[in-house]
PDB file of N, CA and C in Angstrom:
ATOM      1  N   MET A   1       0.742  -1.253   0.137  1.00  0.00           N
ATOM      2  CA  MET A   1       0.012  -0.039   0.000  1.00  0.00           C
ATOM      3  C   MET A   1       0.929   1.093   0.132  1.00  0.00           C
ATOM      4  N   LYS A   2       0.526   2.243  -0.663  1.00  0.00           N
ATOM      5  CA  LYS A   2       1.256   3.411  -0.820  1.00  0.00           C
ATOM      6  C   LYS A   2       1.302   4.403   0.496  1.00  0.00           C
ATOM      7  N   HIS A   3       2.249   5.022   0.786  1.00  0.00           N
ATOM      8  CA  HIS A   3       2.256   5.698   2.015  1.00  0.00           C
ATOM      9  C   HIS A   3       1.814   7.298   2.036  1.00  0.00           C
ATOM     10  N   LEU A   4       1.909   7.758   0.951  1.00  0.00           N
ATOM     11  CA  LEU A   4       1.492   9.224   0.590  1.00  0.00           C
ATOM     12  C   LEU A   4       0.083   9.478  -0.166  1.00  0.00           C
ATOM     13  N   TRP A   5      -0.708   9.981   0.746  1.00  0.00           N
ATOM     14  CA  TRP A   5      -2.313   9.967   0.179  1.00  0.00           C
ATOM     15  C   TRP A   5      -2.562  11.526   0.042  1.00  0.00           C
ATOM     16  N   ALA A   6      -3.393  11.823  -0.946  1.00  0.00           N
ATOM     17  CA  ALA A   6      -4.038  13.266  -1.189  1.00  0.00           C
ATOM     18  C   ALA A   6      -5.153  13.117  -0.215  1.00  0.00           C
ATOM     19  N   HIS A   7      -5.715  14.252   0.142  1.00  0.00           N
ATOM     20  CA  HIS A   7      -6.869  14.405   1.162  1.00  0.00           C
ATOM     21  C   HIS A   7      -8.102  13.738   0.323  1.00  0.00           C
ATOM     22  N   GLU A   8      -8.378  14.124  -0.948  1.00  0.00           N
ATOM     23  CA  GLU A   8      -9.417  13.567  -1.588  1.00  0.00           C
ATOM     24  C   GLU A   8      -9.310  11.708  -1.889  1.00  0.00           C
ATOM     25  N   GLU A   9      -8.148  11.234  -1.827  1.00  0.00           N
ATOM     26  CA  GLU A   9      -7.926   9.837  -2.007  1.00  0.00           C
ATOM     27  C   GLU A   9      -8.520   9.277  -0.645  1.00  0.00           C
ATOM     28  N   LEU A  10      -8.205   9.977   0.541  1.00  0.00           N
ATOM     29  CA  LEU A  10      -8.567   9.429   1.823  1.00  0.00           C
ATOM     30  C   LEU A  10     -10.058   9.470   1.923  1.00  0.00           C
ATOM     31  N   ILE A  11     -10.622  10.440   1.560  1.00  0.00           N
ATOM     32  CA  ILE A  11     -12.167  10.656   1.611  1.00  0.00           C
ATOM     33  C   ILE A  11     -12.866   9.669   0.713  1.00  0.00           C
ATOM     34  N   GLU A  12     -12.283   9.142  -0.619  1.00  0.00           N
ATOM     35  CA  GLU A  12     -12.958   8.406  -1.398  1.00  0.00           C
ATOM     36  C   GLU A  12     -12.580   6.983  -0.873  1.00  0.00           C
ATOM     37  N   ASN A  13     -11.561   6.688  -0.492  1.00  0.00           N
ATOM     38  CA  ASN A  13     -11.171   5.260  -0.123  1.00  0.00           C
ATOM     39  C   ASN A  13     -11.371   5.113   1.507  1.00  0.00           C
ATOM     40  N   PHE A  14     -11.328   5.724   2.288  1.00  0.00           N
ATOM     41  CA  PHE A  14     -11.262   5.338   3.821  1.00  0.00           C
ATOM     42  C   PHE A  14     -12.421   6.272   4.520  1.00  0.00           C
ATOM     43  N   THR A  15     -13.379   6.757   4.080  1.00  0.00           N
ATOM     44  CA  THR A  15     -14.638   7.356   4.708  1.00  0.00           C
ATOM     45  C   THR A  15     -15.540   6.006   5.264  1.00  0.00           C
ATOM     46  N   LEU A  16     -15.690   6.132   6.470  1.00  0.00           N
ATOM     47  CA  LEU A  16     -16.708   5.402   7.124  1.00  0.00           C
ATOM     48  C   LEU A  16     -18.079   5.628   6.644  1.00  0.00           C
ATOM     49  N   LEU A  17     -18.833   4.688   6.236  1.00  0.00           N
ATOM     50  CA  LEU A  17     -20.216   4.526   5.690  1.00  0.00           C
ATOM     51  C   LEU A  17     -21.190   4.479   6.746  1.00  0.00           C
ATOM     52  N   PRO A  18     -22.296   4.903   6.752  1.00  0.00           N
ATOM     53  CA  PRO A  18     -23.200   4.687   7.999  1.00  0.00           C
ATOM     54  C   PRO A  18     -23.398   3.353   8.444  1.00  0.00           C
ATOM     55  N   GLY A  19     -23.385   2.366   7.681  1.00  0.00           N
ATOM     56  CA  GLY A  19     -23.508   0.985   8.088  1.00  0.00           C
ATOM     57  C   GLY A  19     -22.362   0.476   8.943  1.00  0.00           C
ATOM     58  N   GLU A  20     -21.052   0.995   8.363  1.00  0.00           N
ATOM     59  CA  GLU A  20     -19.934   0.811   9.097  1.00  0.00           C
ATOM     60  C   GLU A  20     -19.706   1.499  10.513  1.00  0.00           C
ATOM     61  N   ARG A  21     -20.225   2.592  10.628  1.00  0.00           N
ATOM     62  CA  ARG A  21     -20.521   3.390  11.794  1.00  0.00           C
ATOM     63  C   ARG A  21     -21.174   2.616  12.842  1.00  0.00           C
ATOM     64  N   LYS A  22     -22.270   2.041  12.197  1.00  0.00           N
ATOM     65  CA  LYS A  22     -23.111   1.224  13.129  1.00  0.00           C
ATOM     66  C   LYS A  22     -22.356   0.141  13.684  1.00  0.00           C
ATOM     67  N   LEU A  23     -21.508  -0.616  12.835  1.00  0.00           N
ATOM     68  CA  LEU A  23     -20.719  -1.688  13.350  1.00  0.00           C
ATOM     69  C   LEU A  23     -19.937  -1.376  14.670  1.00  0.00           C
ATOM     70  N   LEU A  24     -19.471  -0.130  14.495  1.00  0.00           N
ATOM     71  CA  LEU A  24     -18.299   0.373  15.470  1.00  0.00           C
ATOM     72  C   LEU A  24     -19.169   0.803  16.702  1.00  0.00           C
ATOM     73  N   ALA A  25     -20.436   1.109  16.591  1.00  0.00           N
ATOM     74  CA  ALA A  25     -21.253   2.008  17.706  1.00  0.00           C
ATOM     75  C   ALA A  25     -21.053   1.315  19.245  1.00  0.00           C
ATOM     76  N   ASN A  26     -21.004   0.011  19.217  1.00  0.00           N
ATOM     77  CA  ASN A  26     -21.055  -0.805  20.522  1.00  0.00           C
ATOM     78  C   ASN A  26     -19.742  -1.342  20.865  1.00  0.00           C
ATOM     79  N   LYS A  27     -18.651  -0.802  20.270  1.00  0.00           N
ATOM     80  CA  LYS A  27     -17.346  -1.316  20.452  1.00  0.00           C
ATOM     81  C   LYS A  27     -16.754  -0.232  21.566  1.00  0.00           C
ATOM     82  N   ILE A  28     -15.831  -0.824  22.377  1.00  0.00           N
ATOM     83  CA  ILE A  28     -15.158  -0.141  23.371  1.00  0.00           C
ATOM     84  C   ILE A  28     -14.201   0.827  22.607  1.00  0.00           C
ATOM     85  N   THR A  29     -13.810   1.870  23.226  1.00  0.00           N
ATOM     86  CA  THR A  29     -12.949   2.911  22.633  1.00  0.00           C
ATOM     87  C   THR A  29     -11.545   2.188  21.991  1.00  0.00           C
ATOM     88  N   VAL A  30     -11.007   1.367  22.984  1.00  0.00           N
ATOM     89  CA  VAL A  30      -9.739   0.707  22.433  1.00  0.00           C
ATOM     90  C   VAL A  30      -9.799   0.068  21.260  1.00  0.00           C
ATOM     91  N   SER A  31     -11.018  -0.702  21.081  1.00  0.00           N
ATOM     92  CA  SER A  31     -10.651  -1.512  19.812  1.00  0.00           C
ATOM     93  C   SER A  31     -11.501  -0.939  18.704  1.00  0.00           C
ATOM     94  N   LYS A  32     -12.211   0.263  18.808  1.00  0.00           N
ATOM     95  CA  LYS A  32     -12.975   0.847  17.829  1.00  0.00           C
ATOM     96  C   LYS A  32     -12.193   1.397  16.774  1.00  0.00           C
ATOM     97  N   LEU A  33     -10.924   2.063  16.920  1.00  0.00           N
ATOM     98  CA  LEU A  33     -10.280   2.515  15.833  1.00  0.00           C
ATOM     99  C   LEU A  33      -9.504   1.302  15.083  1.00  0.00           C
ATOM    100  N   GLY A  34      -8.985   0.159  15.992  1.00  0.00           N
ATOM    101  CA  GLY A  34      -8.453  -0.709  15.328  1.00  0.00           C
ATOM    102  C   GLY A  34      -9.357  -1.598  14.256  1.00  0.00           C
ATOM    103  N   LEU A  35     -10.628  -1.666  14.675  1.00  0.00           N
ATOM    104  CA  LEU A  35     -11.547  -2.366  13.774  1.00  0.00           C
ATOM    105  C   LEU A  35     -11.755  -1.608  12.578  1.00  0.00           C
ATOM    106  N   ALA A  36     -12.037  -0.164  12.908  1.00  0.00           N
ATOM    107  CA  ALA A  36     -12.055   0.536  11.631  1.00  0.00           C
ATOM    108  C   ALA A  36     -11.033   0.631  10.762  1.00  0.00           C
ATOM    109  N   VAL A  37      -9.820   0.607  11.142  1.00  0.00           N
ATOM    110  CA  VAL A  37      -8.763   0.605  10.347  1.00  0.00           C
ATOM    111  C   VAL A  37      -8.583  -0.677   9.575  1.00  0.00           C
ATOM    112  N   LEU A  38      -8.798  -1.818  10.402  1.00  0.00           N
ATOM    113  CA  LEU A  38      -8.840  -3.093   9.620  1.00  0.00           C
ATOM    114  C   LEU A  38      -9.943  -3.310   8.524  1.00  0.00           C
ATOM    115  N   LEU A  39     -11.159  -2.726   8.784  1.00  0.00           N
ATOM    116  CA  LEU A  39     -12.139  -2.755   8.025  1.00  0.00           C
ATOM    117  C   LEU A  39     -11.923  -1.975   6.620  1.00  0.00           C
ATOM    118  N   LYS A  40     -11.422  -0.937   6.693  1.00  0.00           N
ATOM    119  CA  LYS A  40     -11.180   0.017   5.592  1.00  0.00           C
ATOM    120  C   LYS A  40      -9.874  -0.570   4.822  1.00  0.00           C
ATOM    121  N   PHE A  41      -8.950  -0.994   5.429  1.00  0.00           N
ATOM    122  CA  PHE A  41      -7.663  -1.586   4.951  1.00  0.00           C
ATOM    123  C   PHE A  41      -8.180  -2.915   3.951  1.00  0.00           C
ATOM    124  N   PHE A  42      -8.979  -3.578   4.651  1.00  0.00           N
ATOM    125  CA  PHE A  42      -9.407  -4.923   3.941  1.00  0.00           C
ATOM    126  C   PHE A  42     -10.280  -4.581   2.703  1.00  0.00           C
ATOM    127  N   GLN A  43     -10.982  -3.632   2.705  1.00  0.00           N
ATOM    128  CA  GLN A  43     -11.931  -3.159   1.843  1.00  0.00           C
ATOM    129  C   GLN A  43     -11.150  -2.565   0.603  1.00  0.00           C
ATOM    130  N   TYR A  44     -10.085  -1.993   0.848  1.00  0.00           N
ATOM    131  CA  TYR A  44      -9.169  -1.357  -0.302  1.00  0.00           C
ATOM    132  C   TYR A  44      -8.045  -2.409  -0.713  1.00  0.00           C
ATOM    133  N   GLU A  45      -7.492  -3.171   0.086  1.00  0.00           N
ATOM    134  CA  GLU A  45      -6.490  -4.136  -0.464  1.00  0.00           C
ATOM    135  C   GLU A  45      -7.042  -5.560  -0.568  1.00  0.00           C
ATOM    136  N   GLY A  46      -8.307  -5.842  -0.217  1.00  0.00           N
ATOM    137  CA  GLY A  46      -8.628  -7.261  -0.182  1.00  0.00           C
ATOM    138  C   GLY A  46      -7.941  -8.221   0.653  1.00  0.00           C
ATOM    139  N   ARG A  47      -7.282  -7.779   1.747  1.00  0.00           N
ATOM    140  CA  ARG A  47      -6.613  -8.726   2.732  1.00  0.00           C
ATOM    141  C   ARG A  47      -6.298  -7.741   4.049  1.00  0.00           C
ATOM    142  N   PHE A  48      -5.855  -8.325   4.929  1.00  0.00           N
ATOM    143  CA  PHE A  48      -5.611  -7.629   6.294  1.00  0.00           C
ATOM    144  C   PHE A  48      -3.994  -7.213   6.378  1.00  0.00           C
ATOM    145  N   PRO A  49      -3.553  -6.114   6.933  1.00  0.00           N
ATOM    146  CA  PRO A  49      -2.332  -5.963   7.054  1.00  0.00           C
ATOM    147  C   PRO A  49      -1.536  -6.744   7.772  1.00  0.00           C
ATOM    148  N   ARG A  50      -0.151  -6.936   7.341  1.00  0.00           N
ATOM    149  CA  ARG A  50       0.802  -8.044   7.957  1.00  0.00           C
ATOM    150  C   ARG A  50       1.466  -7.330   9.187  1.00  0.00           C
ATOM    151  N   GLY A  51       1.185  -6.178   9.262  1.00  0.00           N
ATOM    152  CA  GLY A  51       1.728  -5.446  10.505  1.00  0.00           C
ATOM    153  C   GLY A  51       1.362  -4.068  10.673  1.00  0.00           C
ATOM    154  N   ARG A  52       1.797  -3.424  11.957  1.00  0.00           N
ATOM    155  CA  ARG A  52       1.461  -2.054  12.181  1.00  0.00           C
ATOM    156  C   ARG A  52       1.876  -1.062  11.028  1.00  0.00           C
ATOM    157  N   THR A  53       3.191  -1.322  10.672  1.00  0.00           N
ATOM    158  CA  THR A  53       3.727  -0.359   9.695  1.00  0.00           C
ATOM    159  C   THR A  53       3.347  -0.443   8.484  1.00  0.00           C
ATOM    160  N   GLU A  54       2.501  -1.331   8.026  1.00  0.00           N
ATOM    161  CA  GLU A  54       1.849  -1.522   6.718  1.00  0.00           C
ATOM    162  C   GLU A  54       0.631  -0.451   6.442  1.00  0.00           C
ATOM    163  N   VAL A  55       0.137  -0.119   7.647  1.00  0.00           N
ATOM    164  CA  VAL A  55      -1.059   0.952   7.416  1.00  0.00           C
ATOM    165  C   VAL A  55      -0.413   2.280   7.526  1.00  0.00           C
ATOM    166  N   PRO A  56      -0.597   3.076   6.621  1.00  0.00           N
ATOM    167  CA  PRO A  56      -0.009   4.640   6.509  1.00  0.00           C
ATOM    168  C   PRO A  56      -0.626   5.416   7.616  1.00  0.00           C
ATOM    169  N   LYS A  57       0.170   6.110   8.323  1.00  0.00           N
ATOM    170  CA  LYS A  57      -0.268   7.083   9.404  1.00  0.00           C
ATOM    171  C   LYS A  57      -1.499   8.062   8.893  1.00  0.00           C
ATOM    172  N   ALA A  58      -1.272   8.272   7.759  1.00  0.00           N
ATOM    173  CA  ALA A  58      -2.318   9.508   7.160  1.00  0.00           C
ATOM    174  C   ALA A  58      -3.810   8.651   7.133  1.00  0.00           C
ATOM    175  N   ILE A  59      -3.826   7.238   6.978  1.00  0.00           N
ATOM    176  CA  ILE A  59      -5.038   6.631   6.885  1.00  0.00           C
ATOM    177  C   ILE A  59      -5.633   6.493   8.435  1.00  0.00           C
ATOM    178  N   ILE A  60      -4.604   6.066   9.416  1.00  0.00           N
ATOM    179  CA  ILE A  60      -4.995   5.908  10.616  1.00  0.00           C
ATOM    180  C   ILE A  60      -5.562   7.354  11.315  1.00  0.00           C
ATOM    181  N   LYS A  61      -4.881   8.351  10.999  1.00  0.00           N
ATOM    182  CA  LYS A  61      -5.307   9.736  11.489  1.00  0.00           C
ATOM    183  C   LYS A  61      -6.661  10.108  10.748  1.00  0.00           C
ATOM    184  N   TYR A  62      -6.879   9.794   9.550  1.00  0.00           N
ATOM    185  CA  TYR A  62      -8.292  10.149   8.838  1.00  0.00           C
ATOM    186  C   TYR A  62      -9.216   9.475   9.492  1.00  0.00           C
ATOM    187  N   ILE A  63      -9.137   7.993   9.705  1.00  0.00           N
ATOM    188  CA  ILE A  63     -10.170   7.285  10.188  1.00  0.00           C
ATOM    189  C   ILE A  63     -10.421   7.682  11.652  1.00  0.00           C
ATOM    190  N   ALA A  64      -9.333   7.785  12.442  1.00  0.00           N
ATOM    191  CA  ALA A  64      -9.488   8.364  13.945  1.00  0.00           C
ATOM    192  C   ALA A  64     -10.361   9.545  14.041  1.00  0.00           C
ATOM    193  N   GLY A  65     -10.091  10.548  13.067  1.00  0.00           N
ATOM    194  CA  GLY A  65     -10.934  11.679  12.987  1.00  0.00           C
ATOM    195  C   GLY A  65     -12.307  11.558  12.837  1.00  0.00           C
ATOM    196  N   GLN A  66     -12.691  10.655  12.092  1.00  0.00           N
ATOM    197  CA  GLN A  66     -14.020  10.365  11.912  1.00  0.00           C
ATOM    198  C   GLN A  66     -14.917   9.857  13.116  1.00  0.00           C
ATOM    199  N   ILE A  67     -14.117   9.089  13.959  1.00  0.00           N
ATOM    200  CA  ILE A  67     -14.644   8.752  15.140  1.00  0.00           C
ATOM    201  C   ILE A  67     -14.302   9.324  16.497  1.00  0.00           C
ATOM    202  N   ASP A  68     -13.698  10.618  16.198  1.00  0.00           N
ATOM    203  CA  ASP A  68     -13.375  11.296  17.515  1.00  0.00           C
ATOM    204  C   ASP A  68     -12.561  10.524  18.448  1.00  0.00           C
ATOM    205  N   LEU A  69     -11.526   9.905  17.805  1.00  0.00           N
ATOM    206  CA  LEU A  69     -10.383   9.254  18.677  1.00  0.00           C
ATOM    207  C   LEU A  69      -8.974   9.784  18.265  1.00  0.00           C
ATOM    208  N   PRO A  70      -8.031   9.915  19.183  1.00  0.00           N
ATOM    209  CA  PRO A  70      -6.742  10.335  18.779  1.00  0.00           C
ATOM    210  C   PRO A  70      -6.279   9.076  17.872  1.00  0.00           C
ATOM    211  N   PRO A  71      -5.280   9.267  17.002  1.00  0.00           N
ATOM    212  CA  PRO A  71      -4.548   8.317  16.224  1.00  0.00           C
ATOM    213  C   PRO A  71      -3.717   7.489  16.902  1.00  0.00           C
ATOM    214  N   THR A  72      -3.307   7.860  18.428  1.00  0.00           N
ATOM    215  CA  THR A  72      -2.502   7.194  19.168  1.00  0.00           C
ATOM    216  C   THR A  72      -3.307   6.068  19.853  1.00  0.00           C
ATOM    217  N   ALA A  73      -4.663   6.049  19.631  1.00  0.00           N
ATOM    218  CA  ALA A  73      -5.487   5.045  20.278  1.00  0.00           C
ATOM    219  C   ALA A  73      -5.153   3.553  19.645  1.00  0.00           C
ATOM    220  N   MET A  74      -4.604   3.775  18.650  1.00  0.00           N
ATOM    221  CA  MET A  74      -4.013   2.284  17.935  1.00  0.00           C
ATOM    222  C   MET A  74      -2.916   1.671  18.665  1.00  0.00           C
ATOM    223  N   LEU A  75      -2.201   2.426  19.453  1.00  0.00           N
ATOM    224  CA  LEU A  75      -0.911   1.917  20.109  1.00  0.00           C
ATOM    225  C   LEU A  75      -1.618   1.162  21.287  1.00  0.00           C
ATOM    226  N   CYS A  76      -2.857   1.459  21.588  1.00  0.00           N
ATOM    227  CA  CYS A  76      -3.359   0.552  22.733  1.00  0.00           C
ATOM    228  C   CYS A  76      -3.885  -0.845  22.309  1.00  0.00           C
ATOM    229  N   VAL A  77      -4.184  -1.153  21.102  1.00  0.00           N
ATOM    230  CA  VAL A  77      -4.430  -2.281  20.564  1.00  0.00           C
ATOM    231  C   VAL A  77      -3.380  -3.310  20.384  1.00  0.00           C
ATOM    232  N   GLN A  78      -3.532  -4.352  21.212  1.00  0.00           N
ATOM    233  CA  GLN A  78      -2.497  -5.134  21.492  1.00  0.00           C
ATOM    234  C   GLN A  78      -2.877  -6.558  20.400  1.00  0.00           C
ATOM    235  N   SER A  79      -4.266  -7.015  20.475  1.00  0.00           N
ATOM    236  CA  SER A  79      -4.453  -8.192  19.768  1.00  0.00           C
ATOM    237  C   SER A  79      -4.544  -7.990  18.397  1.00  0.00           C
ATOM    238  N   LEU A  80      -4.720  -6.876  17.680  1.00  0.00           N
ATOM    239  CA  LEU A  80      -4.825  -6.849  16.250  1.00  0.00           C
ATOM    240  C   LEU A  80      -3.478  -6.791  15.612  1.00  0.00           C
ATOM    241  N   PRO A  81      -3.323  -7.412  14.343  1.00  0.00           N
ATOM    242  CA  PRO A  81      -2.243  -7.422  13.732  1.00  0.00           C
ATOM    243  C   PRO A  81      -1.367  -6.157  13.202  1.00  0.00           C
ATOM    244  N   LEU A  82      -2.192  -4.907  13.699  1.00  0.00           N
ATOM    245  CA  LEU A  82      -1.563  -3.708  13.151  1.00  0.00           C
ATOM    246  C   LEU A  82      -0.389  -3.471  13.979  1.00  0.00           C
TER     247      LEU A  82
END
């Protein structure tokens, strides 16, 4: 996956849709961002990331902003492969 993204590309490819937001609604704060990032990464790449460094920081930051969490919330997720 590329690491430099234009804002328009982030909007087009990584905006959470209403149904996706509904999936996240009952998740605890710590897992909410991790799940959202895995979901959007999978939709874009057709697979899950192999590690944390495979997901560009711009994508994490963009998704975190949509669900009102700091991007650093990803650091709290231990069980996800990111």
